[in-house]
C-alpha atoms as a PDB file:
ATOM      1  CA  MET A   1      95.000  94.298 108.616  1.00  0.00           C
ATOM      2  CA  SER A   2      92.511  96.440 110.569  1.00  0.00           C
ATOM      3  CA  ASP A   3      93.515  99.069 113.120  1.00  0.00           C
ATOM      4  CA  MET A   4      92.495  96.665 115.892  1.00  0.00           C
ATOM      5  CA  GLN A   5      94.527  93.705 114.599  1.00  0.00           C
ATOM      6  CA  HIS A   6      97.482  92.803 116.813  1.00  0.00           C
ATOM      7  CA  PRO A   7     100.654  92.178 114.818  1.00  0.00           C
ATOM      8  CA  GLY A   8     101.336  88.957 116.730  1.00  0.00           C
ATOM      9  CA  ILE A   9      98.023  87.361 115.761  1.00  0.00           C
ATOM     10  CA  PRO A  10      97.401  86.034 112.223  1.00  0.00           C
ATOM     11  CA  ALA A  11      94.780  87.796 110.116  1.00  0.00           C
ATOM     12  CA  TYR A  12      91.345  86.228 110.400  1.00  0.00           C
ATOM     13  CA  GLN A  13      88.803  85.525 107.676  1.00  0.00           C
ATOM     14  CA  ALA A  14      85.356  84.115 108.354  1.00  0.00           C
ATOM     15  CA  GLU A  15      84.540  80.863 106.562  1.00  0.00           C
ATOM     16  CA  PRO A  16      82.538  81.420 103.344  1.00  0.00           C
ATOM     17  CA  GLU A  17      79.619  79.338 104.611  1.00  0.00           C
ATOM     18  CA  VAL A  18      79.482  81.438 107.788  1.00  0.00           C
ATOM     19  CA  VAL A  19      79.515  84.656 105.769  1.00  0.00           C
ATOM     20  CA  ARG A  20      76.625  83.366 103.657  1.00  0.00           C
ATOM     21  CA  ALA A  21      74.650  82.288 106.717  1.00  0.00           C
ATOM     22  CA  LEU A  22      75.134  85.635 108.450  1.00  0.00           C
ATOM     23  CA  GLY A  23      73.766  87.550 105.482  1.00  0.00           C
ATOM     24  CA  ARG A  24      73.654  91.320 105.778  1.00  0.00           C
ATOM     25  CA  VAL A  25      74.600  92.604 109.218  1.00  0.00           C
ATOM     26  CA  ALA A  26      73.657  95.983 110.688  1.00  0.00           C
ATOM     27  CA  VAL A  27      76.004  97.309 113.353  1.00  0.00           C
ATOM     28  CA  PHE A  28      73.843  99.427 115.651  1.00  0.00           C
ATOM     29  CA  MET A  29      75.821 102.243 117.242  1.00  0.00           C
ATOM     30  CA  GLY A  30      75.488 105.754 118.606  1.00  0.00           C
ATOM     31  CA  GLY A  31      72.123 106.027 120.285  1.00  0.00           C
ATOM     32  CA  ASP A  32      70.852 108.729 122.604  1.00  0.00           C
ATOM     33  CA  SER A  33      72.435 107.705 125.906  1.00  0.00           C
ATOM     34  CA  ALA A  34      75.232 109.432 127.801  1.00  0.00           C
ATOM     35  CA  GLU A  35      77.572 106.856 126.257  1.00  0.00           C
ATOM     36  CA  ARG A  36      76.859 107.885 122.661  1.00  0.00           C
ATOM     37  CA  ASP A  37      80.426 108.943 121.842  1.00  0.00           C
ATOM     38  CA  VAL A  38      81.901 105.694 123.151  1.00  0.00           C
ATOM     39  CA  SER A  39      79.265 103.698 121.281  1.00  0.00           C
ATOM     40  CA  LEU A  40      80.174 105.375 117.992  1.00  0.00           C
ATOM     41  CA  LYS A  41      83.814 104.428 118.513  1.00  0.00           C
ATOM     42  CA  SER A  42      82.880 100.857 119.452  1.00  0.00           C
ATOM     43  CA  GLY A  43      80.566 100.516 116.475  1.00  0.00           C
ATOM     44  CA  LYS A  44      83.104 101.799 113.990  1.00  0.00           C
ATOM     45  CA  ALA A  45      85.730  99.385 115.319  1.00  0.00           C
ATOM     46  CA  VAL A  46      83.291  96.456 115.170  1.00  0.00           C
ATOM     47  CA  LEU A  47      82.225  97.381 111.643  1.00  0.00           C
ATOM     48  CA  ALA A  48      85.824  97.620 110.410  1.00  0.00           C
ATOM     49  CA  ALA A  49      86.625  94.229 111.929  1.00  0.00           C
ATOM     50  CA  LEU A  50      83.568  92.532 110.437  1.00  0.00           C
ATOM     51  CA  VAL A  51      84.288  93.926 106.977  1.00  0.00           C
ATOM     52  CA  SER A  52      87.938  92.923 107.313  1.00  0.00           C
ATOM     53  CA  ALA A  53      86.802  89.377 108.169  1.00  0.00           C
ATOM     54  CA  GLY A  54      84.685  89.269 105.016  1.00  0.00           C
ATOM     55  CA  VAL A  55      81.244  89.862 106.540  1.00  0.00           C
ATOM     56  CA  ASP A  56      78.681  91.981 104.664  1.00  0.00           C
ATOM     57  CA  ALA A  57      78.122  94.649 107.318  1.00  0.00           C
ATOM     58  CA  PHE A  58      77.139  98.303 107.483  1.00  0.00           C
ATOM     59  CA  ALA A  59      76.659 100.951 110.178  1.00  0.00           C
ATOM     60  CA  MET A  60      73.380 102.257 111.592  1.00  0.00           C
ATOM     61  CA  ASP A  61      73.490 105.272 113.890  1.00  0.00           C
ATOM     62  CA  VAL A  62      70.408 104.588 115.980  1.00  0.00           C
ATOM     63  CA  GLN A  63      68.737 107.735 117.291  1.00  0.00           C
ATOM     64  CA  GLY A  64      65.198 108.617 118.211  1.00  0.00           C
ATOM     65  CA  CYS A  65      62.406 106.046 118.144  1.00  0.00           C
ATOM     66  CA  LEU A  66      63.869 102.536 118.345  1.00  0.00           C
ATOM     67  CA  LEU A  67      60.793 101.060 116.680  1.00  0.00           C
ATOM     68  CA  LYS A  68      61.954 102.631 113.426  1.00  0.00           C
ATOM     69  CA  THR A  69      64.944 100.284 113.379  1.00  0.00           C
ATOM     70  CA  VAL A  70      62.688  97.343 112.502  1.00  0.00           C
ATOM     71  CA  GLU A  71      60.518  99.102 109.916  1.00  0.00           C
ATOM     72  CA  ASN A  72      61.352  97.491 106.561  1.00  0.00           C
ATOM     73  CA  PRO A  73      64.767  96.264 107.749  1.00  0.00           C
ATOM     74  CA  LYS A  74      67.440  95.938 105.092  1.00  0.00           C
ATOM     75  CA  PHE A  75      69.463  93.498 107.185  1.00  0.00           C
ATOM     76  CA  ASP A  76      69.320  89.908 108.465  1.00  0.00           C
ATOM     77  CA  ARG A  77      70.773  90.368 111.940  1.00  0.00           C
ATOM     78  CA  VAL A  78      72.171  93.012 114.269  1.00  0.00           C
ATOM     79  CA  PHE A  79      75.470  93.436 116.050  1.00  0.00           C
ATOM     80  CA  ILE A  80      74.550  95.638 119.008  1.00  0.00           C
ATOM     81  CA  ALA A  81      77.315  98.134 119.815  1.00  0.00           C
ATOM     82  CA  LEU A  82      74.998 100.504 121.680  1.00  0.00           C
ATOM     83  CA  HIS A  83      76.047 101.292 125.252  1.00  0.00           C
ATOM     84  CA  GLY A  84      73.779 102.549 127.996  1.00  0.00           C
ATOM     85  CA  ARG A  85      70.062 103.109 128.141  1.00  0.00           C
ATOM     86  CA  GLY A  86      68.004 102.245 125.106  1.00  0.00           C
ATOM     87  CA  GLY A  87      70.549  99.910 123.565  1.00  0.00           C
ATOM     88  CA  GLU A  88      71.902  97.910 126.485  1.00  0.00           C
ATOM     89  CA  ASP A  89      68.983  97.815 128.931  1.00  0.00           C
ATOM     90  CA  GLY A  90      66.623  95.377 127.222  1.00  0.00           C
ATOM     91  CA  THR A  91      64.591  97.948 125.298  1.00  0.00           C
ATOM     92  CA  LEU A  92      66.199  97.357 121.910  1.00  0.00           C
ATOM     93  CA  GLN A  93      66.491  93.643 122.650  1.00  0.00           C
ATOM     94  CA  ALA A  94      62.731  93.444 123.197  1.00  0.00           C
ATOM     95  CA  ILE A  95      61.991  95.252 119.919  1.00  0.00           C
ATOM     96  CA  LEU A  96      64.329  93.032 117.913  1.00  0.00           C
ATOM     97  CA  SER A  97      62.962  89.903 119.598  1.00  0.00           C
ATOM     98  CA  GLN A  98      59.379  90.851 118.752  1.00  0.00           C
ATOM     99  CA  ALA A  99      60.426  91.558 115.161  1.00  0.00           C
ATOM    100  CA  GLY A 100      62.154  88.174 114.932  1.00  0.00           C
ATOM    101  CA  ILE A 101      65.518  89.734 114.091  1.00  0.00           C
ATOM    102  CA  PRO A 102      68.547  87.940 115.579  1.00  0.00           C
ATOM    103  CA  TYR A 103      70.918  90.124 117.610  1.00  0.00           C
ATOM    104  CA  THR A 104      74.137  89.752 119.541  1.00  0.00           C
ATOM    105  CA  GLY A 105      74.536  89.509 123.278  1.00  0.00           C
ATOM    106  CA  SER A 106      72.163  89.013 126.170  1.00  0.00           C
ATOM    107  CA  GLU A 107      68.403  88.791 125.840  1.00  0.00           C
ATOM    108  CA  VAL A 108      65.774  91.127 127.296  1.00  0.00           C
ATOM    109  CA  LEU A 109      65.683  90.193 130.995  1.00  0.00           C
ATOM    110  CA  ALA A 110      69.427  89.743 131.427  1.00  0.00           C
ATOM    111  CA  SER A 111      70.094  93.037 129.655  1.00  0.00           C
ATOM    112  CA  ALA A 112      67.607  94.874 131.876  1.00  0.00           C
ATOM    113  CA  LEU A 113      68.991  93.335 135.067  1.00  0.00           C
ATOM    114  CA  ALA A 114      72.646  93.945 134.256  1.00  0.00           C
ATOM    115  CA  MET A 115      72.036  97.565 133.233  1.00  0.00           C
ATOM    116  CA  ASP A 116      70.457  98.266 136.621  1.00  0.00           C
ATOM    117  CA  LYS A 117      73.237  98.119 139.232  1.00  0.00           C
ATOM    118  CA  LEU A 118      70.758  97.991 142.114  1.00  0.00           C
ATOM    119  CA  ARG A 119      68.798  95.021 140.797  1.00  0.00           C
ATOM    120  CA  THR A 120      72.049  93.314 139.841  1.00  0.00           C
ATOM    121  CA  LYS A 121      73.137  93.581 143.468  1.00  0.00           C
ATOM    122  CA  TYR A 122      69.780  92.198 144.646  1.00  0.00           C
ATOM    123  CA  VAL A 123      70.395  89.141 142.452  1.00  0.00           C
ATOM    124  CA  PHE A 124      73.972  88.761 143.694  1.00  0.00           C
ATOM    125  CA  ALA A 125      72.884  89.064 147.317  1.00  0.00           C
ATOM    126  CA  GLY A 126      70.005  86.617 146.796  1.00  0.00           C
ATOM    127  CA  CYS A 127      72.388  84.078 145.257  1.00  0.00           C
ATOM    128  CA  GLY A 128      74.981  84.482 147.990  1.00  0.00           C
ATOM    129  CA  LEU A 129      77.572  86.108 145.743  1.00  0.00           C
ATOM    130  CA  PRO A 130      79.916  88.656 147.359  1.00  0.00           C
ATOM    131  CA  THR A 131      79.042  92.279 146.620  1.00  0.00           C
ATOM    132  CA  PRO A 132      79.734  95.389 148.723  1.00  0.00           C
ATOM    133  CA  LYS A 133      77.079  96.465 151.256  1.00  0.00           C
ATOM    134  CA  PHE A 134      74.676  98.959 149.738  1.00  0.00           C
ATOM    135  CA  ARG A 135      71.444 100.864 149.946  1.00  0.00           C
ATOM    136  CA  THR A 136      69.435 103.259 147.822  1.00  0.00           C
ATOM    137  CA  MET A 137      69.260 106.993 148.398  1.00  0.00           C
ATOM    138  CA  SER A 138      66.299 109.151 147.475  1.00  0.00           C
ATOM    139  CA  ALA A 139      67.058 112.538 149.065  1.00  0.00           C
ATOM    140  CA  PRO A 140      70.082 114.549 150.298  1.00  0.00           C
ATOM    141  CA  ASN A 141      68.778 114.568 153.879  1.00  0.00           C
ATOM    142  CA  GLU A 142      69.362 110.802 154.069  1.00  0.00           C
ATOM    143  CA  ALA A 143      73.130 111.289 153.902  1.00  0.00           C
ATOM    144  CA  ALA A 144      73.868 111.325 157.635  1.00  0.00           C
ATOM    145  CA  GLN A 145      71.833 108.167 158.252  1.00  0.00           C
ATOM    146  CA  ILE A 146      73.519 106.335 155.361  1.00  0.00           C
ATOM    147  CA  VAL A 147      76.976 107.271 156.628  1.00  0.00           C
ATOM    148  CA  ARG A 148      75.996 105.772 159.988  1.00  0.00           C
ATOM    149  CA  GLU A 149      74.681 102.585 158.343  1.00  0.00           C
ATOM    150  CA  LEU A 150      77.520 102.035 155.866  1.00  0.00           C
ATOM    151  CA  ARG A 151      81.241 102.399 156.441  1.00  0.00           C
ATOM    152  CA  PRO A 152      82.901 105.261 154.526  1.00  0.00           C
ATOM    153  CA  PRO A 153      84.442 105.743 152.082  1.00  0.00           C
ATOM    154  CA  LEU A 154      81.380 105.188 149.926  1.00  0.00           C
ATOM    155  CA  SER A 155      80.650 105.014 146.224  1.00  0.00           C
ATOM    156  CA  VAL A 156      77.691 106.945 144.835  1.00  0.00           C
ATOM    157  CA  LYS A 157      76.327 105.747 141.492  1.00  0.00           C
ATOM    158  CA  PRO A 158      73.425 106.417 139.157  1.00  0.00           C
ATOM    159  CA  SER A 159      71.969 102.908 139.041  1.00  0.00           C
ATOM    160  CA  ARG A 160      71.402 102.820 135.282  1.00  0.00           C
ATOM    161  CA  GLU A 161      74.398 104.526 133.725  1.00  0.00           C
ATOM    162  CA  GLY A 162      77.527 102.876 132.350  1.00  0.00           C
ATOM    163  CA  SER A 163      81.173 103.775 131.685  1.00  0.00           C
ATOM    164  CA  SER A 164      81.479 105.015 135.302  1.00  0.00           C
ATOM    165  CA  ILE A 165      79.407 108.082 134.379  1.00  0.00           C
ATOM    166  CA  GLY A 166      78.250 109.941 137.492  1.00  0.00           C
ATOM    167  CA  ILE A 167      80.190 107.821 139.996  1.00  0.00           C
ATOM    168  CA  ARG A 168      81.849 109.600 142.931  1.00  0.00           C
ATOM    169  CA  LYS A 169      83.849 108.517 145.967  1.00  0.00           C
ATOM    170  CA  VAL A 170      82.796 110.259 149.201  1.00  0.00           C
ATOM    171  CA  ASN A 171      83.937 110.218 152.822  1.00  0.00           C
ATOM    172  CA  THR A 172      81.463 112.438 154.669  1.00  0.00           C
ATOM    173  CA  ALA A 173      77.739 113.080 154.849  1.00  0.00           C
ATOM    174  CA  THR A 174      78.232 116.488 153.214  1.00  0.00           C
ATOM    175  CA  GLU A 175      80.113 114.952 150.289  1.00  0.00           C
ATOM    176  CA  LEU A 176      77.463 112.232 150.024  1.00  0.00           C
ATOM    177  CA  ALA A 177      74.643 114.777 149.783  1.00  0.00           C
ATOM    178  CA  GLU A 178      76.493 116.663 147.045  1.00  0.00           C
ATOM    179  CA  ALA A 179      77.291 113.468 145.136  1.00  0.00           C
ATOM    180  CA  PHE A 180      73.666 112.384 145.391  1.00  0.00           C
ATOM    181  CA  GLU A 181      72.503 115.580 143.691  1.00  0.00           C
ATOM    182  CA  ALA A 182      74.913 114.973 140.805  1.00  0.00           C
ATOM    183  CA  ALA A 183      73.915 111.315 140.422  1.00  0.00           C
ATOM    184  CA  ALA A 184      70.197 112.071 140.707  1.00  0.00           C
ATOM    185  CA  ALA A 185      70.513 114.486 137.792  1.00  0.00           C
ATOM    186  CA  LEU A 186      71.411 111.460 135.655  1.00  0.00           C
ATOM    187  CA  ASP A 187      69.069 108.858 137.150  1.00  0.00           C
ATOM    188  CA  ASN A 188      66.254 108.965 139.698  1.00  0.00           C
ATOM    189  CA  LEU A 189      67.555 105.709 141.161  1.00  0.00           C
ATOM    190  CA  VAL A 190      70.784 106.307 143.104  1.00  0.00           C
ATOM    191  CA  LEU A 191      72.880 103.545 144.642  1.00  0.00           C
ATOM    192  CA  VAL A 192      75.295 103.982 147.540  1.00  0.00           C
ATOM    193  CA  GLU A 193      77.718 101.195 148.400  1.00  0.00           C
ATOM    194  CA  GLU A 194      80.765 100.651 150.551  1.00  0.00           C
ATOM    195  CA  TRP A 195      84.024 101.398 148.757  1.00  0.00           C
ATOM    196  CA  ILE A 196      86.381  98.438 148.494  1.00  0.00           C
ATOM    197  CA  GLU A 197      89.993  99.545 148.875  1.00  0.00           C
ATOM    198  CA  GLY A 198      92.305  97.389 146.813  1.00  0.00           C
ATOM    199  CA  PRO A 199      93.156  96.303 143.285  1.00  0.00           C
ATOM    200  CA  GLU A 200      90.512  96.219 140.558  1.00  0.00           C
ATOM    201  CA  TYR A 201      90.121  93.423 138.038  1.00  0.00           C
ATOM    202  CA  THR A 202      87.927  92.798 135.057  1.00  0.00           C
ATOM    203  CA  VAL A 203      87.084  89.457 133.496  1.00  0.00           C
ATOM    204  CA  SER A 204      85.777  89.184 129.942  1.00  0.00           C
ATOM    205  CA  LEU A 205      83.453  86.321 129.053  1.00  0.00           C
ATOM    206  CA  LEU A 206      83.144  84.773 125.615  1.00  0.00           C
ATOM    207  CA  GLN A 207      80.767  81.895 124.861  1.00  0.00           C
ATOM    208  CA  ASP A 208      80.610  80.645 128.453  1.00  0.00           C
ATOM    209  CA  SER A 209      84.364  80.805 129.009  1.00  0.00           C
ATOM    210  CA  ALA A 210      86.441  83.324 130.931  1.00  0.00           C
ATOM    211  CA  LEU A 211      89.239  85.072 129.062  1.00  0.00           C
ATOM    212  CA  PRO A 212      92.449  86.122 130.870  1.00  0.00           C
ATOM    213  CA  ALA A 213      91.724  88.565 133.686  1.00  0.00           C
ATOM    214  CA  ILE A 214      93.068  92.113 133.493  1.00  0.00           C
ATOM    215  CA  GLY A 215      94.399  94.020 136.493  1.00  0.00           C
ATOM    216  CA  LEU A 216      93.683  97.748 136.377  1.00  0.00           C
ATOM    217  CA  SER A 217      95.481 100.658 137.995  1.00  0.00           C
ATOM    218  CA  THR A 218      95.224 104.392 137.497  1.00  0.00           C
ATOM    219  CA  ASP A 219      96.391 107.615 139.123  1.00  0.00           C
ATOM    220  CA  HIS A 220      92.752 108.723 139.159  1.00  0.00           C
ATOM    221  CA  VAL A 221      90.659 108.194 142.286  1.00  0.00           C
ATOM    222  CA  PHE A 222      89.233 105.135 140.514  1.00  0.00           C
ATOM    223  CA  TYR A 223      88.884 103.667 137.019  1.00  0.00           C
ATOM    224  CA  ASP A 224      86.575 106.453 135.827  1.00  0.00           C
ATOM    225  CA  TYR A 225      85.375 107.536 132.360  1.00  0.00           C
ATOM    226  CA  ASP A 226      88.555 109.457 131.615  1.00  0.00           C
ATOM    227  CA  ALA A 227      90.778 106.554 132.697  1.00  0.00           C
ATOM    228  CA  LYS A 228      88.704 104.156 130.589  1.00  0.00           C
ATOM    229  CA  TYR A 229      88.538 106.051 127.322  1.00  0.00           C
ATOM    230  CA  LEU A 230      90.816 109.075 127.240  1.00  0.00           C
ATOM    231  CA  ALA A 231      93.876 108.774 129.462  1.00  0.00           C
ATOM    232  CA  ASP A 232      97.082 107.203 128.186  1.00  0.00           C
ATOM    233  CA  ASP A 233      98.507 106.510 131.637  1.00  0.00           C
ATOM    234  CA  THR A 234      96.021 103.837 132.739  1.00  0.00           C
ATOM    235  CA  ARG A 235      97.914 100.621 133.459  1.00  0.00           C
ATOM    236  CA  TYR A 236      96.631  97.220 132.346  1.00  0.00           C
ATOM    237  CA  ARG A 237      98.208  94.031 133.688  1.00  0.00           C
ATOM    238  CA  ILE A 238      97.965  90.876 131.575  1.00  0.00           C
ATOM    239  CA  PRO A 239      98.784  88.515 133.236  1.00  0.00           C
ATOM    240  CA  CYS A 240      96.765  90.207 135.969  1.00  0.00           C
ATOM    241  CA  GLY A 241      99.341  89.620 138.733  1.00  0.00           C
ATOM    242  CA  LEU A 242      97.321  87.117 140.771  1.00  0.00           C
ATOM    243  CA  ALA A 243      98.565  83.661 141.657  1.00  0.00           C
ATOM    244  CA  PRO A 244      97.159  81.098 139.178  1.00  0.00           C
ATOM    245  CA  GLN A 245      94.709  79.633 141.700  1.00  0.00           C
ATOM    246  CA  ASP A 246      93.434  83.102 142.600  1.00  0.00           C
ATOM    247  CA  GLU A 247      92.924  84.033 138.950  1.00  0.00           C
ATOM    248  CA  VAL A 248      90.884  80.854 138.488  1.00  0.00           C
ATOM    249  CA  ARG A 249      88.817  81.816 141.549  1.00  0.00           C
ATOM    250  CA  LEU A 250      88.320  85.277 140.061  1.00  0.00           C
ATOM    251  CA  GLN A 251      87.292  83.870 136.668  1.00  0.00           C
ATOM    252  CA  ASN A 252      84.858  81.405 138.249  1.00  0.00           C
ATOM    253  CA  LEU A 253      83.232  84.199 140.250  1.00  0.00           C
ATOM    254  CA  ALA A 254      82.819  86.257 137.067  1.00  0.00           C
ATOM    255  CA  LEU A 255      81.267  83.292 135.247  1.00  0.00           C
ATOM    256  CA  GLU A 256      78.859  82.687 138.115  1.00  0.00           C
ATOM    257  CA  ALA A 257      77.825  86.355 138.174  1.00  0.00           C
ATOM    258  CA  PHE A 258      77.251  86.250 134.412  1.00  0.00           C
ATOM    259  CA  ARG A 259      75.152  83.101 134.664  1.00  0.00           C
ATOM    260  CA  VAL A 260      72.925  84.115 137.579  1.00  0.00           C
ATOM    261  CA  LEU A 261      71.830  87.178 135.610  1.00  0.00           C
ATOM    262  CA  GLY A 262      71.070  84.957 132.609  1.00  0.00           C
ATOM    263  CA  CYS A 263      73.592  86.656 130.319  1.00  0.00           C
ATOM    264  CA  ARG A 264      74.788  85.049 127.099  1.00  0.00           C
ATOM    265  CA  THR A 265      77.581  85.041 124.489  1.00  0.00           C
ATOM    266  CA  TRP A 266      79.807  87.852 125.716  1.00  0.00           C
ATOM    267  CA  GLY A 267      80.273  90.469 128.382  1.00  0.00           C
ATOM    268  CA  ARG A 268      82.541  91.707 131.126  1.00  0.00           C
ATOM    269  CA  VAL A 269      82.448  91.524 134.919  1.00  0.00           C
ATOM    270  CA  ASP A 270      84.149  94.122 137.140  1.00  0.00           C
ATOM    271  CA  ILE A 271      85.511  92.931 140.486  1.00  0.00           C
ATOM    272  CA  MET A 272      87.458  94.442 143.415  1.00  0.00           C
ATOM    273  CA  GLN A 273      89.814  92.659 145.794  1.00  0.00           C
ATOM    274  CA  ASP A 274      90.091  93.803 149.408  1.00  0.00           C
ATOM    275  CA  LYS A 275      93.123  93.804 151.690  1.00  0.00           C
ATOM    276  CA  ASP A 276      92.267  90.286 152.891  1.00  0.00           C
ATOM    277  CA  GLY A 277      92.335  88.921 149.335  1.00  0.00           C
ATOM    278  CA  GLU A 278      88.548  88.516 149.070  1.00  0.00           C
ATOM    279  CA  PHE A 279      86.823  89.378 145.773  1.00  0.00           C
ATOM    280  CA  TRP A 280      83.746  91.608 145.540  1.00  0.00           C
ATOM    281  CA  LEU A 281      81.460  91.893 142.518  1.00  0.00           C
ATOM    282  CA  LEU A 282      80.707  95.390 141.258  1.00  0.00           C
ATOM    283  CA  GLU A 283      78.743  94.970 138.030  1.00  0.00           C
ATOM    284  CA  VAL A 284      78.200  93.057 134.797  1.00  0.00           C
ATOM    285  CA  ASN A 285      78.440  94.712 131.375  1.00  0.00           C
ATOM    286  CA  THR A 286      76.437  93.060 128.595  1.00  0.00           C
ATOM    287  CA  VAL A 287      77.632  95.361 125.778  1.00  0.00           C
ATOM    288  CA  PRO A 288      81.160  96.337 126.850  1.00  0.00           C
ATOM    289  CA  GLY A 289      83.230  98.911 125.026  1.00  0.00           C
ATOM    290  CA  MET A 290      85.002  97.848 121.848  1.00  0.00           C
ATOM    291  CA  THR A 291      87.273 100.864 121.339  1.00  0.00           C
ATOM    292  CA  ASP A 292      91.062 100.960 121.159  1.00  0.00           C
ATOM    293  CA  HIS A 293      91.088 101.449 124.957  1.00  0.00           C
ATOM    294  CA  SER A 294      88.599  98.633 125.606  1.00  0.00           C
ATOM    295  CA  LEU A 295      89.164  95.622 127.798  1.00  0.00           C
ATOM    296  CA  VAL A 296      87.361  92.778 126.029  1.00  0.00           C
ATOM    297  CA  PRO A 297      89.506  93.040 122.855  1.00  0.00           C
ATOM    298  CA  MET A 298      92.589  93.361 125.068  1.00  0.00           C
ATOM    299  CA  SER A 299      91.719  90.200 126.979  1.00  0.00           C
ATOM    300  CA  ALA A 300      90.882  88.353 123.759  1.00  0.00           C
ATOM    301  CA  ARG A 301      94.266  89.262 122.276  1.00  0.00           C
ATOM    302  CA  ALA A 302      95.942  87.801 125.363  1.00  0.00           C
ATOM    303  CA  ALA A 303      94.115  84.553 124.567  1.00  0.00           C
ATOM    304  CA  GLY A 304      95.323  84.660 120.939  1.00  0.00           C
ATOM    305  CA  ILE A 305      91.973  85.825 119.546  1.00  0.00           C
ATOM    306  CA  SER A 306      92.122  88.676 117.044  1.00  0.00           C
ATOM    307  CA  PHE A 307      89.555  91.462 117.071  1.00  0.00           C
ATOM    308  CA  GLU A 308      88.150  90.132 113.780  1.00  0.00           C
ATOM    309  CA  GLU A 309      87.721  86.640 115.181  1.00  0.00           C
ATOM    310  CA  LEU A 310      86.213  88.041 118.372  1.00  0.00           C
ATOM    311  CA  VAL A 311      83.422  89.958 116.629  1.00  0.00           C
ATOM    312  CA  VAL A 312      82.667  87.083 114.245  1.00  0.00           C
ATOM    313  CA  ARG A 313      82.430  84.634 117.145  1.00  0.00           C
ATOM    314  CA  ILE A 314      80.023  86.963 118.941  1.00  0.00           C
ATOM    315  CA  LEU A 315      77.953  87.301 115.778  1.00  0.00           C
ATOM    316  CA  ARG A 316      77.965  83.563 115.030  1.00  0.00           C
ATOM    317  CA  ASP A 317      75.949  82.900 118.175  1.00  0.00           C
ATOM    318  CA  THR A 318      72.993  84.588 116.471  1.00  0.00           C
ATOM    319  CA  LEU A 319      72.975  81.699 113.989  1.00  0.00           C
ATOM    320  CA  GLU A 320      72.669  79.176 116.792  1.00  0.00           C
ATOM    321  CA  ASP A 321      69.742  81.144 118.241  1.00  0.00           C
ATOM    322  CA  ALA A 322      68.006  81.189 114.864  1.00  0.00           C
ATOM    323  CA  ASN A 323      68.416  77.434 114.514  1.00  0.00           C
ATOM    324  CA  ALA A 324      67.391  76.619 118.092  1.00  0.00           C
END
């Protein structure tokens, strides 16, 4: 039994014919992004689960030039456990696609769109999906005008970072200018959006189906990096606490957001609910965390899917792509 196996779920072994078809699997992890540490934890957990399920898998800490990953590859396919820029934004997906190497998760365009919070919101807005009002910010002296245009409190985000890195909640133009400087140090594209006060939910997607939603609560200002990966006092609600019809509405919204971006196989959608009960889309994650604090494995367990079965099911979709 692996460290990620839940005692209430039977141990999982991949079918011998599936193991043969998968061949040798490289689990790409690490990388050079700000999410490197989380990626290493995700990759190690994925690797342990694949090996436990009987898959011939090994780890690759991907750093430096990504083109080197496809020079004389000693593997048949890739499980991508890289978070953030380089591994999650379409760059690696494009290299693997050109090399003809099957890989897990979303393809090039969907990966690039989902990694960029601004362009994700353009797609949502263009498709009529609910997302908080927003605008870009390019200099500190725009703060006063933005505060007049949008209704504080506001959220300031580097557009192309994950794991809530660089996100701040602000109430005044002075705070906005300061938060912009911090976000701009991480990304030259900074997004400002209206802050939705209310409960936060996340919906994991697996092979075009929504898993049980998770309600999130924390004593932090919001569900930030520390609350996601380090704190032990973050509260996860499964069942999420919504009435059944509202959870279905939440799951359907997550599925629609996933589909309009063109995502595939697996991912996670983060959503807020306001005081009137309306849901608002925040972002889509195409390579979500797979650590012991992570939400996709947690949601899968609630559906009776072990961590081993989860990673094998994600990987099996690469066989369908190869046979398409």
